[in-house]
Amino acid sequence: RRTPRYAIGLAVQGTGHWAWADVPPQGEAAVQISFTPPGRGLHRV
């Protein structure tokens, strides 16, 4: 869009640890969130 998007949060469902970002018009924003896998092996996000 040609208008910005404000106060967008992302988190792993159920954790409540949010990372917030504003996305500029016709642009991109990067967000980092984290979680701890239960152990070794191949785990789905």
All heavy atoms as atom14 arrays in JSON, in Angstrom:
{
  "sequence": "RRTPRYAIGLAVQGTGHWAWADVPPQGEAAVQISFTPPGRGLHRV",
  "atom14_mask": [
    [1, 1, 1, 1, 1, 1, 1, 1, 1, 1, 1, 0, 0, 0],
    [1, 1, 1, 1, 1, 1, 1, 1, 1, 1, 1, 0, 0, 0],
    [1, 1, 1, 1, 1, 1, 1, 0, 0, 0, 0, 0, 0, 0],
    [1, 1, 1, 1, 1, 1, 1, 0, 0, 0, 0, 0, 0, 0],
    [1, 1, 1, 1, 1, 1, 1, 1, 1, 1, 1, 0, 0, 0],
    [1, 1, 1, 1, 1, 1, 1, 1, 1, 1, 1, 1, 0, 0],
    [1, 1, 1, 1, 1, 0, 0, 0, 0, 0, 0, 0, 0, 0],
    [1, 1, 1, 1, 1, 1, 1, 1, 0, 0, 0, 0, 0, 0],
    [1, 1, 1, 1, 0, 0, 0, 0, 0, 0, 0, 0, 0, 0],
    [1, 1, 1, 1, 1, 1, 1, 1, 0, 0, 0, 0, 0, 0],
    [1, 1, 1, 1, 1, 0, 0, 0, 0, 0, 0, 0, 0, 0],
    [1, 1, 1, 1, 1, 1, 1, 0, 0, 0, 0, 0, 0, 0],
    [1, 1, 1, 1, 1, 1, 1, 1, 1, 0, 0, 0, 0, 0],
    [1, 1, 1, 1, 0, 0, 0, 0, 0, 0, 0, 0, 0, 0],
    [1, 1, 1, 1, 1, 1, 1, 0, 0, 0, 0, 0, 0, 0],
    [1, 1, 1, 1, 0, 0, 0, 0, 0, 0, 0, 0, 0, 0],
    [1, 1, 1, 1, 1, 1, 1, 1, 1, 1, 0, 0, 0, 0],
    [1, 1, 1, 1, 1, 1, 1, 1, 1, 1, 1, 1, 1, 1],
    [1, 1, 1, 1, 1, 0, 0, 0, 0, 0, 0, 0, 0, 0],
    [1, 1, 1, 1, 1, 1, 1, 1, 1, 1, 1, 1, 1, 1],
    [1, 1, 1, 1, 1, 0, 0, 0, 0, 0, 0, 0, 0, 0],
    [1, 1, 1, 1, 1, 1, 1, 1, 0, 0, 0, 0, 0, 0],
    [1, 1, 1, 1, 1, 1, 1, 0, 0, 0, 0, 0, 0, 0],
    [1, 1, 1, 1, 1, 1, 1, 0, 0, 0, 0, 0, 0, 0],
    [1, 1, 1, 1, 1, 1, 1, 0, 0, 0, 0, 0, 0, 0],
    [1, 1, 1, 1, 1, 1, 1, 1, 1, 0, 0, 0, 0, 0],
    [1, 1, 1, 1, 0, 0, 0, 0, 0, 0, 0, 0, 0, 0],
    [1, 1, 1, 1, 1, 1, 1, 1, 1, 0, 0, 0, 0, 0],
    [1, 1, 1, 1, 1, 0, 0, 0, 0, 0, 0, 0, 0, 0],
    [1, 1, 1, 1, 1, 0, 0, 0, 0, 0, 0, 0, 0, 0],
    [1, 1, 1, 1, 1, 1, 1, 0, 0, 0, 0, 0, 0, 0],
    [1, 1, 1, 1, 1, 1, 1, 1, 1, 0, 0, 0, 0, 0],
    [1, 1, 1, 1, 1, 1, 1, 1, 0, 0, 0, 0, 0, 0],
    [1, 1, 1, 1, 1, 1, 0, 0, 0, 0, 0, 0, 0, 0],
    [1, 1, 1, 1, 1, 1, 1, 1, 1, 1, 1, 0, 0, 0],
    [1, 1, 1, 1, 1, 1, 1, 0, 0, 0, 0, 0, 0, 0],
    [1, 1, 1, 1, 1, 1, 1, 0, 0, 0, 0, 0, 0, 0],
    [1, 1, 1, 1, 1, 1, 1, 0, 0, 0, 0, 0, 0, 0],
    [1, 1, 1, 1, 0, 0, 0, 0, 0, 0, 0, 0, 0, 0],
    [1, 1, 1, 1, 1, 1, 1, 1, 1, 1, 1, 0, 0, 0],
    [1, 1, 1, 1, 0, 0, 0, 0, 0, 0, 0, 0, 0, 0],
    [1, 1, 1, 1, 1, 1, 1, 1, 0, 0, 0, 0, 0, 0],
    [1, 1, 1, 1, 1, 1, 1, 1, 1, 1, 0, 0, 0, 0],
    [1, 1, 1, 1, 1, 1, 1, 1, 1, 1, 1, 0, 0, 0],
    [1, 1, 1, 1, 1, 1, 1, 0, 0, 0, 0, 0, 0, 0]
  ],
  "atom14_positions": [
    [[0.83, -1.2, 0.0], [0.0, 0.0, 0.0], [0.87, 1.26, 0.0], [2.05, 1.23, 0.29], [-0.91, 0.01, 1.23], [-1.97, -1.05, 1.23], [-3.01, -0.82, 2.31], [-2.47, -0.23, 3.53], [-3.13, -0.2, 4.68], [-4.33, -0.72, 4.74], [-2.6, 0.36, 5.74], [0.0, 0.0, 0.0], [0.0, 0.0, 0.0], [0.0, 0.0, 0.0]],
    [[0.22, 2.39, -0.3], [0.9, 3.68, -0.28], [0.83, 4.36, 1.08], [1.27, 5.49, 1.25], [0.29, 4.59, -1.34], [0.49, 4.09, -2.76], [-0.08, 5.08, -3.76], [0.12, 4.61, -5.14], [-0.29, 5.27, -6.22], [-0.93, 6.43, -6.06], [-0.07, 4.78, -7.42], [0.0, 0.0, 0.0], [0.0, 0.0, 0.0], [0.0, 0.0, 0.0]],
    [[0.26, 3.67, 2.05], [0.18, 4.21, 3.41], [0.9, 3.25, 4.35], [0.93, 2.03, 4.11], [-1.29, 4.36, 3.86], [-1.95, 3.09, 3.71], [-1.99, 5.4, 3.01], [0.0, 0.0, 0.0], [0.0, 0.0, 0.0], [0.0, 0.0, 0.0], [0.0, 0.0, 0.0], [0.0, 0.0, 0.0], [0.0, 0.0, 0.0], [0.0, 0.0, 0.0]],
    [[1.48, 3.75, 5.43], [2.21, 2.87, 6.34], [1.27, 2.01, 7.19], [0.07, 2.31, 7.32], [3.01, 3.85, 7.21], [2.21, 5.11, 7.16], [1.57, 5.17, 5.8], [0.0, 0.0, 0.0], [0.0, 0.0, 0.0], [0.0, 0.0, 0.0], [0.0, 0.0, 0.0], [0.0, 0.0, 0.0], [0.0, 0.0, 0.0], [0.0, 0.0, 0.0]],
    [[1.84, 1.0, 7.77], [1.13, 0.13, 8.71], [1.86, 0.21, 10.04], [3.06, -0.08, 10.11], [1.07, -1.32, 8.21], [0.4, -1.49, 6.85], [0.53, -2.92, 6.36], [0.04, -3.1, 5.0], [-1.19, -3.53, 4.69], [-2.05, -3.79, 5.65], [-1.56, -3.66, 3.42], [0.0, 0.0, 0.0], [0.0, 0.0, 0.0], [0.0, 0.0, 0.0]],
    [[1.13, 0.56, 11.1], [1.76, 0.82, 12.38], [1.47, -0.31, 13.38], [0.44, -0.98, 13.32], [1.27, 2.14, 12.97], [1.63, 3.35, 12.15], [0.67, 4.02, 11.39], [2.93, 3.84, 12.12], [0.99, 5.15, 10.65], [3.27, 4.96, 11.37], [2.29, 5.6, 10.64], [2.62, 6.7, 9.89], [0.0, 0.0, 0.0], [0.0, 0.0, 0.0]],
    [[2.43, -0.46, 14.32], [2.24, -1.29, 15.52], [1.78, -2.7, 15.19], [0.72, -3.16, 15.65], [1.25, -0.61, 16.47], [0.0, 0.0, 0.0], [0.0, 0.0, 0.0], [0.0, 0.0, 0.0], [0.0, 0.0, 0.0], [0.0, 0.0, 0.0], [0.0, 0.0, 0.0], [0.0, 0.0, 0.0], [0.0, 0.0, 0.0], [0.0, 0.0, 0.0]],
    [[2.56, -3.4, 14.39], [2.28, -4.79, 14.06], [3.22, -5.66, 14.88], [4.45, -5.5, 14.84], [2.47, -5.05, 12.56], [1.45, -4.22, 11.77], [2.3, -6.54, 12.24], [1.63, -4.33, 10.28], [0.0, 0.0, 0.0], [0.0, 0.0, 0.0], [0.0, 0.0, 0.0], [0.0, 0.0, 0.0], [0.0, 0.0, 0.0], [0.0, 0.0, 0.0]],
    [[2.66, -6.58, 15.63], [3.44, -7.44, 16.5], [3.39, -8.88, 16.05], [2.38, -9.35, 15.54], [0.0, 0.0, 0.0], [0.0, 0.0, 0.0], [0.0, 0.0, 0.0], [0.0, 0.0, 0.0], [0.0, 0.0, 0.0], [0.0, 0.0, 0.0], [0.0, 0.0, 0.0], [0.0, 0.0, 0.0], [0.0, 0.0, 0.0], [0.0, 0.0, 0.0]],
    [[4.51, -9.59, 16.25], [4.58, -11.02, 15.95], [5.15, -11.74, 17.16], [6.02, -11.21, 17.87], [5.44, -11.31, 14.73], [4.81, -11.02, 13.38], [5.24, -9.66, 12.87], [5.17, -12.09, 12.36], [0.0, 0.0, 0.0], [0.0, 0.0, 0.0], [0.0, 0.0, 0.0], [0.0, 0.0, 0.0], [0.0, 0.0, 0.0], [0.0, 0.0, 0.0]],
    [[4.68, -12.96, 17.38], [5.15, -13.78, 18.5], [4.85, -15.23, 18.22], [3.98, -15.56, 17.39], [4.48, -13.34, 19.81], [0.0, 0.0, 0.0], [0.0, 0.0, 0.0], [0.0, 0.0, 0.0], [0.0, 0.0, 0.0], [0.0, 0.0, 0.0], [0.0, 0.0, 0.0], [0.0, 0.0, 0.0], [0.0, 0.0, 0.0], [0.0, 0.0, 0.0]],
    [[5.6, -16.1, 18.89], [5.24, -17.52, 18.88], [3.95, -17.67, 19.66], [3.8, -17.12, 20.76], [6.37, -18.37, 19.5], [5.95, -19.83, 19.58], [7.64, -18.23, 18.68], [0.0, 0.0, 0.0], [0.0, 0.0, 0.0], [0.0, 0.0, 0.0], [0.0, 0.0, 0.0], [0.0, 0.0, 0.0], [0.0, 0.0, 0.0], [0.0, 0.0, 0.0]],
    [[3.0, -18.39, 19.1], [1.67, -18.47, 19.7], [1.75, -18.99, 21.14], [2.38, -20.0, 21.42], [0.76, -19.38, 18.88], [-0.69, -19.36, 19.35], [-1.54, -20.35, 18.61], [-1.04, -21.34, 18.11], [-2.84, -20.1, 18.53], [0.0, 0.0, 0.0], [0.0, 0.0, 0.0], [0.0, 0.0, 0.0], [0.0, 0.0, 0.0], [0.0, 0.0, 0.0]],
    [[1.12, -18.25, 22.03], [1.05, -18.68, 23.42], [2.18, -18.2, 24.3], [2.12, -18.4, 25.52], [0.0, 0.0, 0.0], [0.0, 0.0, 0.0], [0.0, 0.0, 0.0], [0.0, 0.0, 0.0], [0.0, 0.0, 0.0], [0.0, 0.0, 0.0], [0.0, 0.0, 0.0], [0.0, 0.0, 0.0], [0.0, 0.0, 0.0], [0.0, 0.0, 0.0]],
    [[3.21, -17.56, 23.75], [4.34, -17.14, 24.57], [4.16, -15.73, 25.14], [4.61, -15.44, 26.25], [5.64, -17.18, 23.77], [5.56, -16.27, 22.65], [5.9, -18.58, 23.25], [0.0, 0.0, 0.0], [0.0, 0.0, 0.0], [0.0, 0.0, 0.0], [0.0, 0.0, 0.0], [0.0, 0.0, 0.0], [0.0, 0.0, 0.0], [0.0, 0.0, 0.0]],
    [[3.53, -14.84, 24.39], [3.37, -13.47, 24.84], [4.6, -12.61, 24.71], [4.61, -11.47, 25.17], [0.0, 0.0, 0.0], [0.0, 0.0, 0.0], [0.0, 0.0, 0.0], [0.0, 0.0, 0.0], [0.0, 0.0, 0.0], [0.0, 0.0, 0.0], [0.0, 0.0, 0.0], [0.0, 0.0, 0.0], [0.0, 0.0, 0.0], [0.0, 0.0, 0.0]],
    [[5.66, -13.12, 24.06], [6.88, -12.32, 23.83], [6.78, -11.7, 22.44], [7.08, -12.36, 21.44], [8.12, -13.19, 23.97], [8.25, -13.86, 25.31], [8.38, -13.14, 26.48], [8.25, -15.16, 25.67], [8.47, -13.97, 27.5], [8.39, -15.21, 27.04], [0.0, 0.0, 0.0], [0.0, 0.0, 0.0], [0.0, 0.0, 0.0], [0.0, 0.0, 0.0]],
    [[6.4, -10.45, 22.38], [6.09, -9.8, 21.11], [7.27, -9.01, 20.58], [8.04, -8.43, 21.34], [4.89, -8.87, 21.28], [3.62, -9.59, 21.62], [3.12, -9.84, 22.86], [2.71, -10.19, 20.69], [1.95, -10.55, 22.77], [1.68, -10.78, 21.45], [2.67, -10.28, 19.3], [0.62, -11.44, 20.86], [1.61, -10.94, 18.71], [0.6, -11.52, 19.49]],
    [[7.38, -9.0, 19.27], [8.31, -8.13, 18.55], [7.47, -7.23, 17.65], [6.67, -7.72, 16.85], [9.31, -8.94, 17.74], [0.0, 0.0, 0.0], [0.0, 0.0, 0.0], [0.0, 0.0, 0.0], [0.0, 0.0, 0.0], [0.0, 0.0, 0.0], [0.0, 0.0, 0.0], [0.0, 0.0, 0.0], [0.0, 0.0, 0.0], [0.0, 0.0, 0.0]],
    [[7.68, -5.9, 17.78], [6.82, -4.94, 17.11], [7.57, -4.22, 16.0], [8.79, -4.03, 16.08], [6.28, -3.92, 18.11], [5.47, -4.53, 19.19], [5.92, -4.99, 20.4], [4.07, -4.83, 19.16], [4.9, -5.53, 21.13], [3.74, -5.44, 20.4], [3.06, -4.61, 18.22], [2.44, -5.84, 20.7], [1.78, -5.01, 18.53], [1.47, -5.61, 19.75]],
    [[6.82, -3.83, 14.98], [7.44, -3.14, 13.84], [6.39, -2.28, 13.15], [5.18, -2.57, 13.18], [8.04, -4.13, 12.85], [0.0, 0.0, 0.0], [0.0, 0.0, 0.0], [0.0, 0.0, 0.0], [0.0, 0.0, 0.0], [0.0, 0.0, 0.0], [0.0, 0.0, 0.0], [0.0, 0.0, 0.0], [0.0, 0.0, 0.0], [0.0, 0.0, 0.0]],
    [[6.87, -1.21, 12.54], [6.07, -0.38, 11.63], [6.56, -0.64, 10.21], [7.77, -0.64, 9.96], [6.22, 1.1, 11.97], [5.71, 1.43, 13.36], [4.8, 0.73, 13.84], [6.24, 2.39, 13.97], [0.0, 0.0, 0.0], [0.0, 0.0, 0.0], [0.0, 0.0, 0.0], [0.0, 0.0, 0.0], [0.0, 0.0, 0.0], [0.0, 0.0, 0.0]],
    [[5.63, -0.87, 9.3], [6.0, -1.17, 7.92], [5.78, 0.08, 7.07], [4.66, 0.62, 7.02], [5.17, -2.34, 7.36], [5.69, -2.77, 6.0], [5.2, -3.51, 8.33], [0.0, 0.0, 0.0], [0.0, 0.0, 0.0], [0.0, 0.0, 0.0], [0.0, 0.0, 0.0], [0.0, 0.0, 0.0], [0.0, 0.0, 0.0], [0.0, 0.0, 0.0]],
    [[6.82, 0.58, 6.4], [6.67, 1.81, 5.61], [5.82, 1.56, 4.37], [5.63, 0.42, 3.95], [8.12, 2.16, 5.23], [8.84, 0.85, 5.27], [8.2, 0.05, 6.37], [0.0, 0.0, 0.0], [0.0, 0.0, 0.0], [0.0, 0.0, 0.0], [0.0, 0.0, 0.0], [0.0, 0.0, 0.0], [0.0, 0.0, 0.0], [0.0, 0.0, 0.0]],
    [[5.3, 2.64, 3.77], [4.5, 2.47, 2.54], [5.34, 1.89, 1.41], [6.46, 2.33, 1.17], [4.02, 3.89, 2.23], [4.96, 4.79, 2.97], [5.4, 4.05, 4.18], [0.0, 0.0, 0.0], [0.0, 0.0, 0.0], [0.0, 0.0, 0.0], [0.0, 0.0, 0.0], [0.0, 0.0, 0.0], [0.0, 0.0, 0.0], [0.0, 0.0, 0.0]],
    [[4.77, 0.86, 0.75], [5.43, 0.17, -0.36], [6.87, -0.22, 0.02], [7.8, -0.06, -0.77], [5.41, 1.05, -1.61], [4.02, 1.31, -2.15], [4.01, 2.11, -3.42], [4.97, 2.83, -3.73], [2.93, 2.01, -4.2], [0.0, 0.0, 0.0], [0.0, 0.0, 0.0], [0.0, 0.0, 0.0], [0.0, 0.0, 0.0], [0.0, 0.0, 0.0]],
    [[7.01, -0.73, 1.21], [8.33, -1.13, 1.69], [8.25, -2.4, 2.52], [7.22, -3.08, 2.55], [0.0, 0.0, 0.0], [0.0, 0.0, 0.0], [0.0, 0.0, 0.0], [0.0, 0.0, 0.0], [0.0, 0.0, 0.0], [0.0, 0.0, 0.0], [0.0, 0.0, 0.0], [0.0, 0.0, 0.0], [0.0, 0.0, 0.0], [0.0, 0.0, 0.0]],
    [[9.35, -2.69, 3.21], [9.45, -3.89, 4.01], [10.0, -3.56, 5.39], [10.68, -2.53, 5.58], [10.37, -4.93, 3.34], [9.85, -5.5, 2.04], [10.78, -6.56, 1.47], [11.93, -6.67, 1.96], [10.36, -7.27, 0.55], [0.0, 0.0, 0.0], [0.0, 0.0, 0.0], [0.0, 0.0, 0.0], [0.0, 0.0, 0.0], [0.0, 0.0, 0.0]],
    [[9.7, -4.43, 6.34], [10.26, -4.34, 7.68], [10.65, -5.74, 8.11], [10.03, -6.73, 7.71], [9.25, -3.73, 8.66], [0.0, 0.0, 0.0], [0.0, 0.0, 0.0], [0.0, 0.0, 0.0], [0.0, 0.0, 0.0], [0.0, 0.0, 0.0], [0.0, 0.0, 0.0], [0.0, 0.0, 0.0], [0.0, 0.0, 0.0], [0.0, 0.0, 0.0]],
    [[11.72, -5.83, 8.91], [12.22, -7.12, 9.38], [11.93, -7.25, 10.87], [12.09, -6.31, 11.64], [13.72, -7.24, 9.12], [0.0, 0.0, 0.0], [0.0, 0.0, 0.0], [0.0, 0.0, 0.0], [0.0, 0.0, 0.0], [0.0, 0.0, 0.0], [0.0, 0.0, 0.0], [0.0, 0.0, 0.0], [0.0, 0.0, 0.0], [0.0, 0.0, 0.0]],
    [[11.51, -8.45, 11.26], [11.2, -8.74, 12.65], [11.89, -10.05, 13.02], [11.93, -10.99, 12.21], [9.68, -8.86, 12.88], [9.37, -9.33, 14.28], [9.0, -7.53, 12.62], [0.0, 0.0, 0.0], [0.0, 0.0, 0.0], [0.0, 0.0, 0.0], [0.0, 0.0, 0.0], [0.0, 0.0, 0.0], [0.0, 0.0, 0.0], [0.0, 0.0, 0.0]],
    [[12.44, -10.11, 14.22], [13.06, -11.33, 14.74], [12.32, -11.8, 15.98], [12.08, -11.01, 16.9], [14.53, -11.09, 15.09], [15.46, -11.05, 13.9], [16.92, -11.05, 14.31], [17.26, -10.65, 15.41], [17.8, -11.49, 13.42], [0.0, 0.0, 0.0], [0.0, 0.0, 0.0], [0.0, 0.0, 0.0], [0.0, 0.0, 0.0], [0.0, 0.0, 0.0]],
    [[11.95, -13.07, 15.97], [11.38, -13.7, 17.15], [12.12, -15.0, 17.38], [12.79, -15.53, 16.48], [9.86, -13.95, 17.0], [9.58, -14.82, 15.77], [9.09, -12.65, 16.92], [8.11, -15.16, 15.61], [0.0, 0.0, 0.0], [0.0, 0.0, 0.0], [0.0, 0.0, 0.0], [0.0, 0.0, 0.0], [0.0, 0.0, 0.0], [0.0, 0.0, 0.0]],
    [[12.05, -15.53, 18.58], [12.85, -16.7, 18.91], [12.03, -17.68, 19.75], [11.02, -17.31, 20.37], [14.12, -16.29, 19.67], [13.78, -15.66, 20.89], [0.0, 0.0, 0.0], [0.0, 0.0, 0.0], [0.0, 0.0, 0.0], [0.0, 0.0, 0.0], [0.0, 0.0, 0.0], [0.0, 0.0, 0.0], [0.0, 0.0, 0.0], [0.0, 0.0, 0.0]],
    [[12.48, -18.92, 19.74], [11.91, -19.96, 20.59], [13.0, -20.98, 20.86], [14.03, -21.02, 20.18], [10.69, -20.62, 19.93], [11.02, -21.52, 18.77], [11.08, -22.9, 18.93], [11.3, -20.99, 17.51], [11.41, -23.73, 17.86], [11.61, -21.81, 16.44], [11.67, -23.19, 16.62], [0.0, 0.0, 0.0], [0.0, 0.0, 0.0], [0.0, 0.0, 0.0]],
    [[12.8, -21.81, 21.86], [13.78, -22.83, 22.23], [13.25, -24.19, 21.81], [12.23, -24.65, 22.36], [14.05, -22.82, 23.73], [14.51, -21.52, 24.12], [15.12, -23.84, 24.1], [0.0, 0.0, 0.0], [0.0, 0.0, 0.0], [0.0, 0.0, 0.0], [0.0, 0.0, 0.0], [0.0, 0.0, 0.0], [0.0, 0.0, 0.0], [0.0, 0.0, 0.0]],
    [[13.87, -24.87, 20.84], [13.43, -26.21, 20.46], [13.55, -27.17, 21.63], [14.41, -27.01, 22.51], [14.38, -26.59, 19.31], [14.91, -25.28, 18.81], [14.99, -24.39, 20.01], [0.0, 0.0, 0.0], [0.0, 0.0, 0.0], [0.0, 0.0, 0.0], [0.0, 0.0, 0.0], [0.0, 0.0, 0.0], [0.0, 0.0, 0.0], [0.0, 0.0, 0.0]],
    [[12.7, -28.19, 21.69], [12.71, -29.1, 22.85], [13.95, -29.97, 22.94], [14.26, -30.47, 24.02], [11.46, -29.95, 22.63], [11.17, -29.85, 21.16], [11.61, -28.49, 20.74], [0.0, 0.0, 0.0], [0.0, 0.0, 0.0], [0.0, 0.0, 0.0], [0.0, 0.0, 0.0], [0.0, 0.0, 0.0], [0.0, 0.0, 0.0], [0.0, 0.0, 0.0]],
    [[14.68, -30.19, 21.87], [15.86, -31.04, 21.92], [16.42, -31.23, 20.52], [16.02, -30.55, 19.57], [0.0, 0.0, 0.0], [0.0, 0.0, 0.0], [0.0, 0.0, 0.0], [0.0, 0.0, 0.0], [0.0, 0.0, 0.0], [0.0, 0.0, 0.0], [0.0, 0.0, 0.0], [0.0, 0.0, 0.0], [0.0, 0.0, 0.0], [0.0, 0.0, 0.0]],
    [[17.38, -32.15, 20.4], [17.99, -32.37, 19.09], [16.97, -33.0, 18.14], [15.96, -33.57, 18.56], [19.22, -33.27, 19.21], [18.89, -34.71, 19.57], [20.1, -35.61, 19.51], [19.73, -36.98, 19.87], [19.33, -37.89, 18.99], [19.24, -37.56, 17.71], [19.01, -39.11, 19.37], [0.0, 0.0, 0.0], [0.0, 0.0, 0.0], [0.0, 0.0, 0.0]],
    [[17.25, -32.9, 16.85], [16.37, -33.49, 15.85], [15.84, -32.42, 14.9], [16.29, -31.27, 14.9], [0.0, 0.0, 0.0], [0.0, 0.0, 0.0], [0.0, 0.0, 0.0], [0.0, 0.0, 0.0], [0.0, 0.0, 0.0], [0.0, 0.0, 0.0], [0.0, 0.0, 0.0], [0.0, 0.0, 0.0], [0.0, 0.0, 0.0], [0.0, 0.0, 0.0]],
    [[14.86, -32.8, 14.13], [14.24, -31.91, 13.16], [12.89, -31.48, 13.71], [12.0, -32.31, 13.93], [14.07, -32.63, 11.81], [13.72, -31.77, 10.6], [14.82, -30.75, 10.32], [13.51, -32.65, 9.37], [0.0, 0.0, 0.0], [0.0, 0.0, 0.0], [0.0, 0.0, 0.0], [0.0, 0.0, 0.0], [0.0, 0.0, 0.0], [0.0, 0.0, 0.0]],
    [[12.73, -30.19, 13.95], [11.53, -29.66, 14.58], [10.86, -28.65, 13.65], [11.53, -27.8, 13.06], [11.86, -28.97, 15.91], [12.54, -29.86, 16.89], [11.87, -30.75, 17.7], [13.87, -30.01, 17.2], [12.72, -31.41, 18.45], [13.95, -30.98, 18.16], [0.0, 0.0, 0.0], [0.0, 0.0, 0.0], [0.0, 0.0, 0.0], [0.0, 0.0, 0.0]],
    [[9.56, -28.75, 13.56], [8.81, -27.76, 12.77], [8.68, -26.46, 13.56], [8.54, -26.48, 14.79], [7.42, -28.32, 12.42], [6.68, -27.48, 11.39], [5.36, -28.12, 11.02], [5.54, -29.38, 10.33], [5.81, -29.49, 9.03], [5.93, -28.4, 8.29], [5.95, -30.67, 8.47], [0.0, 0.0, 0.0], [0.0, 0.0, 0.0], [0.0, 0.0, 0.0]],
    [[8.74, -25.36, 12.86], [8.57, -24.06, 13.5], [7.16, -23.98, 14.1], [6.18, -24.33, 13.43], [8.79, -22.92, 12.49], [8.46, -21.56, 13.11], [10.23, -22.94, 12.0], [0.0, 0.0, 0.0], [0.0, 0.0, 0.0], [0.0, 0.0, 0.0], [0.0, 0.0, 0.0], [0.0, 0.0, 0.0], [0.0, 0.0, 0.0], [0.0, 0.0, 0.0]]
  ]
}
